[in-house]
């Protein structure tokens, strides 16, 4: 089953998503929180421009998380152009 990418203008803290649905969002720090280690869908608990104190606190709690950051510059560096 193919999941739909979530556009950045639809992202809201508290929404449920899978990490693969957020791969089209660049230069934002995001954290998905999971209830169980084997869950594929989590709750977006952080969405911001930097790794601030709030971001760091999510690494101190006990539930599983997935930190996400997709760099636009890195994606552009990987592009190959045919000439």
PDB file of N, CA and C in Angstrom:
ATOM      1  N   UNK A   1       0.827  -1.165   0.000  1.00  0.00           N
ATOM      2  CA  UNK A   1       0.000   0.000   0.000  1.00  0.00           C
ATOM      3  C   UNK A   1       0.885   1.247   0.000  1.00  0.00           C
ATOM      4  N   UNK A   2       0.638   2.152  -0.895  1.00  0.00           N
ATOM      5  CA  UNK A   2       1.413   3.373  -1.028  1.00  0.00           C
ATOM      6  C   UNK A   2       0.787   4.484  -0.175  1.00  0.00           C
ATOM      7  N   UNK A   3       1.610   5.137   0.629  1.00  0.00           N
ATOM      8  CA  UNK A   3       1.123   6.221   1.470  1.00  0.00           C
ATOM      9  C   UNK A   3       1.274   7.549   0.750  1.00  0.00           C
ATOM     10  N   UNK A   4       0.373   8.456   1.027  1.00  0.00           N
ATOM     11  CA  UNK A   4       0.392   9.781   0.432  1.00  0.00           C
ATOM     12  C   UNK A   4       1.349  10.681   1.206  1.00  0.00           C
ATOM     13  N   UNK A   5       2.202  11.413   0.477  1.00  0.00           N
ATOM     14  CA  UNK A   5       3.069  12.391   1.123  1.00  0.00           C
ATOM     15  C   UNK A   5       2.219  13.521   1.693  1.00  0.00           C
ATOM     16  N   UNK A   6       2.607  14.004   2.840  1.00  0.00           N
ATOM     17  CA  UNK A   6       1.893  15.095   3.480  1.00  0.00           C
ATOM     18  C   UNK A   6       2.617  16.394   3.130  1.00  0.00           C
ATOM     19  N   UNK A   7       1.913  17.367   2.523  1.00  0.00           N
ATOM     20  CA  UNK A   7       2.564  18.644   2.203  1.00  0.00           C
ATOM     21  C   UNK A   7       2.815  19.458   3.470  1.00  0.00           C
ATOM     22  N   UNK A   8       3.843  20.297   3.430  1.00  0.00           N
ATOM     23  CA  UNK A   8       4.243  21.052   4.624  1.00  0.00           C
ATOM     24  C   UNK A   8       3.130  21.951   5.160  1.00  0.00           C
ATOM     25  N   UNK A   9       2.255  22.441   4.299  1.00  0.00           N
ATOM     26  CA  UNK A   9       1.181  23.318   4.780  1.00  0.00           C
ATOM     27  C   UNK A   9       0.062  22.555   5.496  1.00  0.00           C
ATOM     28  N   UNK A  10       0.119  21.242   5.477  1.00  0.00           N
ATOM     29  CA  UNK A  10      -0.883  20.408   6.170  1.00  0.00           C
ATOM     30  C   UNK A  10      -0.332  19.787   7.451  1.00  0.00           C
ATOM     31  N   UNK A  11       0.944  19.999   7.739  1.00  0.00           N
ATOM     32  CA  UNK A  11       1.571  19.399   8.915  1.00  0.00           C
ATOM     33  C   UNK A  11       1.162  20.154  10.173  1.00  0.00           C
ATOM     34  N   UNK A  12       0.734  19.396  11.180  1.00  0.00           N
ATOM     35  CA  UNK A  12       0.324  19.969  12.460  1.00  0.00           C
ATOM     36  C   UNK A  12       0.827  19.065  13.584  1.00  0.00           C
ATOM     37  N   UNK A  13       1.356  19.668  14.622  1.00  0.00           N
ATOM     38  CA  UNK A  13       1.737  18.896  15.805  1.00  0.00           C
ATOM     39  C   UNK A  13       0.482  18.215  16.331  1.00  0.00           C
ATOM     40  N   UNK A  14       0.607  16.947  16.653  1.00  0.00           N
ATOM     41  CA  UNK A  14      -0.521  16.164  17.146  1.00  0.00           C
ATOM     42  C   UNK A  14      -1.122  15.249  16.092  1.00  0.00           C
ATOM     43  N   UNK A  15      -0.759  15.465  14.830  1.00  0.00           N
ATOM     44  CA  UNK A  15      -1.305  14.619  13.760  1.00  0.00           C
ATOM     45  C   UNK A  15      -0.619  13.257  13.759  1.00  0.00           C
ATOM     46  N   UNK A  16      -1.295  12.262  13.212  1.00  0.00           N
ATOM     47  CA  UNK A  16      -0.748  10.912  13.071  1.00  0.00           C
ATOM     48  C   UNK A  16      -0.148  10.783  11.678  1.00  0.00           C
ATOM     49  N   UNK A  17       1.032  10.165  11.583  1.00  0.00           N
ATOM     50  CA  UNK A  17       1.707  10.007  10.295  1.00  0.00           C
ATOM     51  C   UNK A  17       2.757   8.911  10.384  1.00  0.00           C
ATOM     52  N   UNK A  18       3.176   8.448   9.230  1.00  0.00           N
ATOM     53  CA  UNK A  18       4.329   7.559   9.129  1.00  0.00           C
ATOM     54  C   UNK A  18       5.504   8.392   8.646  1.00  0.00           C
ATOM     55  N   UNK A  19       6.706   8.005   9.015  1.00  0.00           N
ATOM     56  CA  UNK A  19       7.898   8.775   8.647  1.00  0.00           C
ATOM     57  C   UNK A  19       8.006   8.960   7.133  1.00  0.00           C
ATOM     58  N   UNK A  20       7.630   7.951   6.366  1.00  0.00           N
ATOM     59  CA  UNK A  20       7.738   8.042   4.901  1.00  0.00           C
ATOM     60  C   UNK A  20       6.807   9.106   4.320  1.00  0.00           C
ATOM     61  N   UNK A  21       5.754   9.451   5.023  1.00  0.00           N
ATOM     62  CA  UNK A  21       4.828  10.472   4.547  1.00  0.00           C
ATOM     63  C   UNK A  21       5.402  11.886   4.690  1.00  0.00           C
ATOM     64  N   UNK A  22       6.471  12.026   5.457  1.00  0.00           N
ATOM     65  CA  UNK A  22       7.060  13.329   5.725  1.00  0.00           C
ATOM     66  C   UNK A  22       8.346  13.560   4.938  1.00  0.00           C
ATOM     67  N   UNK A  23       8.690  12.650   4.040  1.00  0.00           N
ATOM     68  CA  UNK A  23       9.966  12.770   3.339  1.00  0.00           C
ATOM     69  C   UNK A  23      10.022  13.912   2.334  1.00  0.00           C
ATOM     70  N   UNK A  24       8.909  14.517   1.995  1.00  0.00           N
ATOM     71  CA  UNK A  24       8.900  15.650   1.073  1.00  0.00           C
ATOM     72  C   UNK A  24       8.964  16.996   1.766  1.00  0.00           C
ATOM     73  N   UNK A  25       9.152  17.001   3.074  1.00  0.00           N
ATOM     74  CA  UNK A  25       9.241  18.248   3.840  1.00  0.00           C
ATOM     75  C   UNK A  25      10.708  18.500   4.157  1.00  0.00           C
ATOM     76  N   UNK A  26      11.204  19.655   3.716  1.00  0.00           N
ATOM     77  CA  UNK A  26      12.635  19.946   3.824  1.00  0.00           C
ATOM     78  C   UNK A  26      12.930  21.037   4.842  1.00  0.00           C
ATOM     79  N   UNK A  27      14.093  20.892   5.462  1.00  0.00           N
ATOM     80  CA  UNK A  27      14.660  21.894   6.364  1.00  0.00           C
ATOM     81  C   UNK A  27      13.774  22.203   7.565  1.00  0.00           C
ATOM     82  N   UNK A  28      13.085  21.188   8.058  1.00  0.00           N
ATOM     83  CA  UNK A  28      12.299  21.267   9.290  1.00  0.00           C
ATOM     84  C   UNK A  28      12.682  20.073  10.164  1.00  0.00           C
ATOM     85  N   UNK A  29      12.780  20.309  11.439  1.00  0.00           N
ATOM     86  CA  UNK A  29      13.032  19.228  12.389  1.00  0.00           C
ATOM     87  C   UNK A  29      11.687  18.699  12.862  1.00  0.00           C
ATOM     88  N   UNK A  30      11.554  17.377  12.820  1.00  0.00           N
ATOM     89  CA  UNK A  30      10.304  16.735  13.209  1.00  0.00           C
ATOM     90  C   UNK A  30      10.614  15.525  14.092  1.00  0.00           C
ATOM     91  N   UNK A  31       9.710  15.227  14.983  1.00  0.00           N
ATOM     92  CA  UNK A  31       9.822  14.013  15.805  1.00  0.00           C
ATOM     93  C   UNK A  31       8.473  13.326  15.819  1.00  0.00           C
ATOM     94  N   UNK A  32       8.490  12.035  15.480  1.00  0.00           N
ATOM     95  CA  UNK A  32       7.309  11.182  15.621  1.00  0.00           C
ATOM     96  C   UNK A  32       7.471  10.367  16.891  1.00  0.00           C
ATOM     97  N   UNK A  33       6.423  10.301  17.702  1.00  0.00           N
ATOM     98  CA  UNK A  33       6.398   9.530  18.940  1.00  0.00           C
ATOM     99  C   UNK A  33       5.486   8.334  18.740  1.00  0.00           C
ATOM    100  N   UNK A  34       5.953   7.152  19.158  1.00  0.00           N
ATOM    101  CA  UNK A  34       5.198   5.912  18.989  1.00  0.00           C
ATOM    102  C   UNK A  34       4.785   5.361  20.347  1.00  0.00           C
ATOM    103  N   UNK A  35       3.628   4.735  20.389  1.00  0.00           N
ATOM    104  CA  UNK A  35       3.162   4.081  21.611  1.00  0.00           C
ATOM    105  C   UNK A  35       3.921   2.781  21.858  1.00  0.00           C
ATOM    106  N   UNK A  36       4.238   2.052  20.780  1.00  0.00           N
ATOM    107  CA  UNK A  36       4.921   0.756  20.867  1.00  0.00           C
ATOM    108  C   UNK A  36       6.084   0.721  19.890  1.00  0.00           C
ATOM    109  N   UNK A  37       7.126  -0.028  20.196  1.00  0.00           N
ATOM    110  CA  UNK A  37       8.295  -0.083  19.307  1.00  0.00           C
ATOM    111  C   UNK A  37       8.001  -0.603  17.900  1.00  0.00           C
ATOM    112  N   UNK A  38       6.972  -1.411  17.745  1.00  0.00           N
ATOM    113  CA  UNK A  38       6.674  -1.982  16.425  1.00  0.00           C
ATOM    114  C   UNK A  38       5.641  -1.185  15.634  1.00  0.00           C
ATOM    115  N   UNK A  39       5.182  -0.054  16.150  1.00  0.00           N
ATOM    116  CA  UNK A  39       4.230   0.799  15.425  1.00  0.00           C
ATOM    117  C   UNK A  39       4.903   1.427  14.206  1.00  0.00           C
ATOM    118  N   UNK A  40       4.153   1.571  13.131  1.00  0.00           N
ATOM    119  CA  UNK A  40       4.660   2.265  11.952  1.00  0.00           C
ATOM    120  C   UNK A  40       4.125   3.689  11.866  1.00  0.00           C
ATOM    121  N   UNK A  41       3.025   3.951  12.547  1.00  0.00           N
ATOM    122  CA  UNK A  41       2.439   5.286  12.563  1.00  0.00           C
ATOM    123  C   UNK A  41       2.627   5.883  13.948  1.00  0.00           C
ATOM    124  N   UNK A  42       3.061   7.142  13.976  1.00  0.00           N
ATOM    125  CA  UNK A  42       3.266   7.819  15.248  1.00  0.00           C
ATOM    126  C   UNK A  42       2.564   9.164  15.277  1.00  0.00           C
ATOM    127  N   UNK A  43       2.701   9.840  16.387  1.00  0.00           N
ATOM    128  CA  UNK A  43       2.139  11.171  16.565  1.00  0.00           C
ATOM    129  C   UNK A  43       3.260  12.195  16.410  1.00  0.00           C
ATOM    130  N   UNK A  44       3.034  13.195  15.586  1.00  0.00           N
ATOM    131  CA  UNK A  44       4.016  14.261  15.418  1.00  0.00           C
ATOM    132  C   UNK A  44       3.994  15.127  16.672  1.00  0.00           C
ATOM    133  N   UNK A  45       5.106  15.108  17.412  1.00  0.00           N
ATOM    134  CA  UNK A  45       5.162  15.840  18.677  1.00  0.00           C
ATOM    135  C   UNK A  45       6.068  17.068  18.597  1.00  0.00           C
ATOM    136  N   UNK A  46       6.868  17.156  17.547  1.00  0.00           N
ATOM    137  CA  UNK A  46       7.718  18.336  17.360  1.00  0.00           C
ATOM    138  C   UNK A  46       7.813  18.653  15.882  1.00  0.00           C
ATOM    139  N   UNK A  47       7.715  19.955  15.556  1.00  0.00           N
ATOM    140  CA  UNK A  47       7.856  20.453  14.192  1.00  0.00           C
ATOM    141  C   UNK A  47       8.423  21.861  14.302  1.00  0.00           C
ATOM    142  N   UNK A  48       9.684  22.033  13.896  1.00  0.00           N
ATOM    143  CA  UNK A  48      10.284  23.352  14.063  1.00  0.00           C
ATOM    144  C   UNK A  48      11.492  23.573  13.178  1.00  0.00           C
ATOM    145  N   UNK A  49      12.044  24.778  13.278  1.00  0.00           N
ATOM    146  CA  UNK A  49      13.172  25.189  12.446  1.00  0.00           C
ATOM    147  C   UNK A  49      14.531  24.860  13.036  1.00  0.00           C
ATOM    148  N   UNK A  50      14.584  24.521  14.326  1.00  0.00           N
ATOM    149  CA  UNK A  50      15.885  24.264  14.955  1.00  0.00           C
ATOM    150  C   UNK A  50      15.758  23.191  16.028  1.00  0.00           C
ATOM    151  N   UNK A  51      16.913  22.700  16.437  1.00  0.00           N
ATOM    152  CA  UNK A  51      16.977  21.716  17.515  1.00  0.00           C
ATOM    153  C   UNK A  51      17.104  22.472  18.834  1.00  0.00           C
ATOM    154  N   UNK A  52      15.989  22.939  19.329  1.00  0.00           N
ATOM    155  CA  UNK A  52      15.993  23.735  20.546  1.00  0.00           C
ATOM    156  C   UNK A  52      15.822  22.848  21.783  1.00  0.00           C
ATOM    157  N   UNK A  53      15.602  23.481  22.920  1.00  0.00           N
ATOM    158  CA  UNK A  53      15.445  22.753  24.182  1.00  0.00           C
ATOM    159  C   UNK A  53      14.246  21.809  24.157  1.00  0.00           C
ATOM    160  N   UNK A  54      13.146  22.255  23.563  1.00  0.00           N
ATOM    161  CA  UNK A  54      11.956  21.406  23.454  1.00  0.00           C
ATOM    162  C   UNK A  54      12.256  20.149  22.635  1.00  0.00           C
ATOM    163  N   UNK A  55      12.982  20.316  21.543  1.00  0.00           N
ATOM    164  CA  UNK A  55      13.385  19.198  20.682  1.00  0.00           C
ATOM    165  C   UNK A  55      14.210  18.193  21.500  1.00  0.00           C
ATOM    166  N   UNK A  56      15.189  18.691  22.230  1.00  0.00           N
ATOM    167  CA  UNK A  56      16.085  17.827  23.011  1.00  0.00           C
ATOM    168  C   UNK A  56      15.349  17.030  24.077  1.00  0.00           C
ATOM    169  N   UNK A  57      14.298  17.599  24.657  1.00  0.00           N
ATOM    170  CA  UNK A  57      13.560  16.909  25.725  1.00  0.00           C
ATOM    171  C   UNK A  57      12.905  15.622  25.234  1.00  0.00           C
ATOM    172  N   UNK A  58      12.567  15.537  23.956  1.00  0.00           N
ATOM    173  CA  UNK A  58      11.923  14.327  23.444  1.00  0.00           C
ATOM    174  C   UNK A  58      12.859  13.128  23.463  1.00  0.00           C
ATOM    175  N   UNK A  59      14.161  13.358  23.528  1.00  0.00           N
ATOM    176  CA  UNK A  59      15.121  12.263  23.584  1.00  0.00           C
ATOM    177  C   UNK A  59      15.281  11.719  25.000  1.00  0.00           C
ATOM    178  N   UNK A  60      14.719  12.403  25.988  1.00  0.00           N
ATOM    179  CA  UNK A  60      14.853  12.010  27.387  1.00  0.00           C
ATOM    180  C   UNK A  60      13.683  11.180  27.901  1.00  0.00           C
ATOM    181  N   UNK A  61      12.626  11.017  27.115  1.00  0.00           N
ATOM    182  CA  UNK A  61      11.462  10.254  27.574  1.00  0.00           C
ATOM    183  C   UNK A  61      11.602   8.794  27.128  1.00  0.00           C
ATOM    184  N   UNK A  62      10.712   7.927  27.613  1.00  0.00           N
ATOM    185  CA  UNK A  62      10.878   6.478  27.449  1.00  0.00           C
ATOM    186  C   UNK A  62      10.260   5.870  26.191  1.00  0.00           C
ATOM    187  N   UNK A  63       9.303   6.529  25.580  1.00  0.00           N
ATOM    188  CA  UNK A  63       8.644   5.943  24.413  1.00  0.00           C
ATOM    189  C   UNK A  63       9.537   6.069  23.178  1.00  0.00           C
ATOM    190  N   UNK A  64       9.342   5.157  22.200  1.00  0.00           N
ATOM    191  CA  UNK A  64      10.153   5.231  20.982  1.00  0.00           C
ATOM    192  C   UNK A  64       9.817   6.470  20.144  1.00  0.00           C
ATOM    193  N   UNK A  65      10.865   7.053  19.546  1.00  0.00           N
ATOM    194  CA  UNK A  65      10.687   8.218  18.683  1.00  0.00           C
ATOM    195  C   UNK A  65      11.462   8.015  17.381  1.00  0.00           C
ATOM    196  N   UNK A  66      11.085   8.780  16.372  1.00  0.00           N
ATOM    197  CA  UNK A  66      11.856   8.873  15.133  1.00  0.00           C
ATOM    198  C   UNK A  66      12.087  10.349  14.858  1.00  0.00           C
ATOM    199  N   UNK A  67      13.350  10.811  15.003  1.00  0.00           N
ATOM    200  CA  UNK A  67      13.652  12.177  14.602  1.00  0.00           C
ATOM    201  C   UNK A  67      13.796  12.222  13.079  1.00  0.00           C
ATOM    202  N   UNK A  68      13.281  13.282  12.459  1.00  0.00           N
ATOM    203  CA  UNK A  68      13.296  13.404  10.995  1.00  0.00           C
ATOM    204  C   UNK A  68      13.825  14.773  10.616  1.00  0.00           C
ATOM    205  N   UNK A  69      14.759  14.805   9.674  1.00  0.00           N
ATOM    206  CA  UNK A  69      15.230  16.063   9.094  1.00  0.00           C
ATOM    207  C   UNK A  69      15.660  15.764   7.663  1.00  0.00           C
ATOM    208  N   UNK A  70      15.000  16.367   6.712  1.00  0.00           N
ATOM    209  CA  UNK A  70      15.318  16.197   5.295  1.00  0.00           C
ATOM    210  C   UNK A  70      15.928  17.501   4.791  1.00  0.00           C
ATOM    211  N   UNK A  71      17.212  17.458   4.447  1.00  0.00           N
ATOM    212  CA  UNK A  71      17.913  18.659   4.008  1.00  0.00           C
ATOM    213  C   UNK A  71      17.714  18.891   2.510  1.00  0.00           C
ATOM    214  N   UNK A  72      17.215  20.053   2.153  1.00  0.00           N
ATOM    215  CA  UNK A  72      17.031  20.414   0.745  1.00  0.00           C
ATOM    216  C   UNK A  72      18.389  20.465   0.034  1.00  0.00           C
ATOM    217  N   UNK A  73      19.418  20.979   0.711  1.00  0.00           N
ATOM    218  CA  UNK A  73      20.754  21.062   0.108  1.00  0.00           C
ATOM    219  C   UNK A  73      21.316  19.678  -0.202  1.00  0.00           C
ATOM    220  N   UNK A  74      21.145  18.734   0.707  1.00  0.00           N
ATOM    221  CA  UNK A  74      21.637  17.376   0.467  1.00  0.00           C
ATOM    222  C   UNK A  74      20.905  16.726  -0.696  1.00  0.00           C
ATOM    223  N   UNK A  75      19.615  16.964  -0.793  1.00  0.00           N
ATOM    224  CA  UNK A  75      18.850  16.403  -1.909  1.00  0.00           C
ATOM    225  C   UNK A  75      19.336  16.979  -3.232  1.00  0.00           C
ATOM    226  N   UNK A  76      19.609  18.265  -3.276  1.00  0.00           N
ATOM    227  CA  UNK A  76      20.097  18.898  -4.491  1.00  0.00           C
ATOM    228  C   UNK A  76      21.475  18.400  -4.861  1.00  0.00           C
ATOM    229  N   UNK A  77      22.331  18.122  -3.857  1.00  0.00           N
ATOM    230  CA  UNK A  77      23.673  17.594  -4.121  1.00  0.00           C
ATOM    231  C   UNK A  77      23.632  16.200  -4.722  1.00  0.00           C
ATOM    232  N   UNK A  78      22.580  15.437  -4.454  1.00  0.00           N
ATOM    233  CA  UNK A  78      22.480  14.074  -4.968  1.00  0.00           C
ATOM    234  C   UNK A  78      21.881  14.008  -6.366  1.00  0.00           C
ATOM    235  N   UNK A  79      21.361  15.119  -6.869  1.00  0.00           N
ATOM    236  CA  UNK A  79      20.747  15.122  -8.203  1.00  0.00           C
ATOM    237  C   UNK A  79      21.819  14.983  -9.286  1.00  0.00           C
ATOM    238  N   UNK A  80      21.468  14.224 -10.297  1.00  0.00           N
ATOM    239  CA  UNK A  80      22.347  14.030 -11.438  1.00  0.00           C
ATOM    240  C   UNK A  80      21.625  14.543 -12.665  1.00  0.00           C
ATOM    241  N   UNK A  81      22.318  15.364 -13.438  1.00  0.00           N
ATOM    242  CA  UNK A  81      21.719  15.966 -14.622  1.00  0.00           C
ATOM    243  C   UNK A  81      22.352  15.364 -15.870  1.00  0.00           C
ATOM    244  N   UNK A  82      21.526  14.978 -16.846  1.00  0.00           N
ATOM    245  CA  UNK A  82      22.031  14.512 -18.124  1.00  0.00           C
ATOM    246  C   UNK A  82      22.359  15.723 -18.983  1.00  0.00           C
ATOM    247  N   UNK A  83      23.492  15.650 -19.639  1.00  0.00           N
ATOM    248  CA  UNK A  83      23.844  16.759 -20.541  1.00  0.00           C
ATOM    249  C   UNK A  83      23.946  16.264 -21.943  1.00  0.00           C
TER     250      UNK A  83
END
